[in-house]
């Protein structure tokens, strides 16, 4: 099943939200998209990269590292269009704005981890802001 075949209708999103099952769901230009949680190898890699970037960036006062964070191209009504990259780095001089619930504008560096065979292109993330991306393929 392709990534886009896992799209839910907005009407179905209410029950997921009520139970908290929507925690890692995303909305792409008003389209509600859900995927199952990544496997353990994926999560381990994201955590380890977050630790490394945190030691380099956060501990030296150069910015902030997140293992998953909401990123949108808008300050208000951000839940109509947002992504949750696996690992994000926002440098101290970032142009992105910390809105508390999300970041408005793209991170300075982002990591999206994809599994082998899952090469479905994601919508153009340039609408959220330009950033450098690292994609690592895992054999799972």
Protein backbone atom coordinates (compact mmCIF):
# COMPACT_ATOMS: atom_id res chain seq x y z
CA UNK A 1 0.00 0.00 0.00
CA UNK A 2 1.47 3.38 -0.98
CA UNK A 3 1.77 6.27 1.44
CA UNK A 4 -1.03 8.20 -0.22
CA UNK A 5 -3.38 5.22 -0.05
CA UNK A 6 -3.25 5.63 3.72
CA UNK A 7 -5.08 8.96 3.60
CA UNK A 8 -8.08 9.27 5.89
CA UNK A 9 -11.06 11.52 5.33
CA UNK A 10 -11.31 14.54 7.60
CA UNK A 11 -14.54 13.11 9.05
CA UNK A 12 -12.66 10.05 10.33
CA UNK A 13 -10.00 12.23 11.97
CA UNK A 14 -12.37 13.27 14.79
CA UNK A 15 -12.44 9.83 16.41
CA UNK A 16 -8.64 9.55 16.17
CA UNK A 17 -8.26 12.96 17.80
CA UNK A 18 -10.69 12.05 20.60
CA UNK A 19 -8.67 8.96 21.52
CA UNK A 20 -5.24 10.56 21.06
CA UNK A 21 -4.42 8.19 18.21
CA UNK A 22 -3.73 11.19 15.95
CA UNK A 23 -0.51 12.12 17.76
CA UNK A 24 1.73 11.41 14.75
CA UNK A 25 -0.75 12.15 11.98
CA UNK A 26 -0.08 15.01 9.56
CA UNK A 27 -2.20 17.35 7.46
CA UNK A 28 -0.96 18.24 3.98
CA UNK A 29 -2.84 21.20 2.50
CA UNK A 30 -6.04 20.20 4.26
CA UNK A 31 -5.71 16.45 3.56
CA UNK A 32 -5.48 14.30 6.69
CA UNK A 33 -2.66 11.74 6.37
CA UNK A 34 -1.83 8.95 8.79
CA UNK A 35 0.84 6.30 8.93
CA UNK A 36 1.54 3.66 11.57
CA UNK A 37 4.34 4.37 14.01
CA UNK A 38 7.74 3.60 12.51
CA UNK A 39 9.48 0.38 13.48
CA UNK A 40 12.08 0.17 16.25
CA UNK A 41 15.09 0.46 13.91
CA UNK A 42 13.66 3.69 12.48
CA UNK A 43 12.98 5.13 15.95
CA UNK A 44 16.42 4.09 17.22
CA UNK A 45 18.15 5.86 14.33
CA UNK A 46 16.08 9.02 14.86
CA UNK A 47 16.85 9.00 18.60
CA UNK A 48 20.57 8.45 18.05
CA UNK A 49 20.75 11.24 15.47
CA UNK A 50 18.86 13.50 17.87
CA UNK A 51 21.38 12.75 20.62
CA UNK A 52 24.32 13.49 18.32
CA UNK A 53 22.84 16.75 17.01
CA UNK A 54 21.80 17.72 20.54
CA UNK A 55 25.36 17.26 21.80
CA UNK A 56 26.73 19.34 18.94
CA UNK A 57 24.06 22.02 18.65
CA UNK A 58 22.10 22.33 21.91
CA UNK A 59 24.93 21.79 24.37
CA UNK A 60 27.03 24.43 22.62
CA UNK A 61 24.20 26.99 22.60
CA UNK A 62 23.98 26.97 18.80
CA UNK A 63 20.27 26.13 18.58
CA UNK A 64 17.72 23.42 19.28
CA UNK A 65 17.33 19.79 18.21
CA UNK A 66 14.03 17.91 18.16
CA UNK A 67 13.20 14.27 17.47
CA UNK A 68 9.87 15.06 15.83
CA UNK A 69 8.18 18.49 15.93
CA UNK A 70 5.28 20.16 14.14
CA UNK A 71 6.42 22.34 11.22
CA UNK A 72 4.05 24.51 9.21
CA UNK A 73 4.07 27.38 6.74
CA UNK A 74 1.60 29.39 8.85
CA UNK A 75 1.34 30.79 12.35
CA UNK A 76 -2.45 30.53 12.64
CA UNK A 77 -4.54 27.61 11.45
CA UNK A 78 -1.31 25.63 11.24
CA UNK A 79 -3.17 22.34 11.73
CA UNK A 80 -4.40 22.70 8.14
CA UNK A 81 -0.86 22.15 6.78
CA UNK A 82 1.98 20.66 8.81
CA UNK A 83 4.66 17.97 8.74
CA UNK A 84 6.55 16.11 11.46
CA UNK A 85 10.09 15.31 10.25
CA UNK A 86 12.02 12.64 12.17
CA UNK A 87 14.82 14.93 13.39
CA UNK A 88 14.95 18.73 13.18
CA UNK A 89 17.62 21.31 13.93
CA UNK A 90 16.82 25.00 14.34
CA UNK A 91 19.91 27.18 14.66
CA UNK A 92 19.91 30.15 17.06
CA UNK A 93 19.68 32.56 14.11
CA UNK A 94 16.90 30.58 12.38
CA UNK A 95 14.27 32.43 10.40
CA UNK A 96 11.63 29.96 11.61
CA UNK A 97 9.37 31.14 14.44
CA UNK A 98 8.76 29.08 17.58
CA UNK A 99 4.98 29.33 18.04
CA UNK A 100 4.91 27.07 21.10
CA UNK A 101 2.76 24.37 19.49
CA UNK A 102 4.71 24.31 16.24
CA UNK A 103 7.42 25.97 14.20
CA UNK A 104 6.37 28.36 11.46
CA UNK A 105 8.98 28.02 8.73
CA UNK A 106 11.29 25.19 7.92
CA UNK A 107 14.10 23.91 10.12
CA UNK A 108 17.69 24.69 9.22
CA UNK A 109 18.31 20.95 8.93
CA UNK A 110 15.87 18.05 8.84
CA UNK A 111 16.12 14.27 8.62
CA UNK A 112 13.40 12.11 7.08
CA UNK A 113 14.11 8.41 7.51
CA UNK A 114 12.53 6.14 4.92
CA UNK A 115 12.49 2.38 4.70
CA UNK A 116 13.75 0.37 1.76
CA UNK A 117 11.07 0.18 -0.89
CA UNK A 118 9.21 3.23 0.45
CA UNK A 119 10.23 5.81 -2.10
CA UNK A 120 6.84 7.48 -2.46
CA UNK A 121 7.66 11.16 -2.90
CA UNK A 122 6.45 13.49 -0.21
CA UNK A 123 4.76 16.72 -1.32
CA UNK A 124 7.16 19.58 -1.91
CA UNK A 125 8.23 20.76 1.53
CA UNK A 126 9.58 24.01 0.06
CA UNK A 127 6.28 25.62 1.05
CA UNK A 128 7.38 25.28 4.66
CA UNK A 129 10.80 26.78 4.06
CA UNK A 130 14.04 25.65 2.57
CA UNK A 131 16.25 23.41 4.63
CA UNK A 132 18.92 20.81 4.11
CA UNK A 133 17.54 17.30 4.28
CA UNK A 134 19.23 14.00 4.88
CA UNK A 135 17.38 10.86 3.90
CA UNK A 136 18.67 7.53 5.12
CA UNK A 137 17.32 4.28 3.74
CA UNK A 138 16.99 1.44 6.21
CA UNK A 139 16.68 -2.18 5.22
CA UNK A 140 13.38 -3.05 6.93
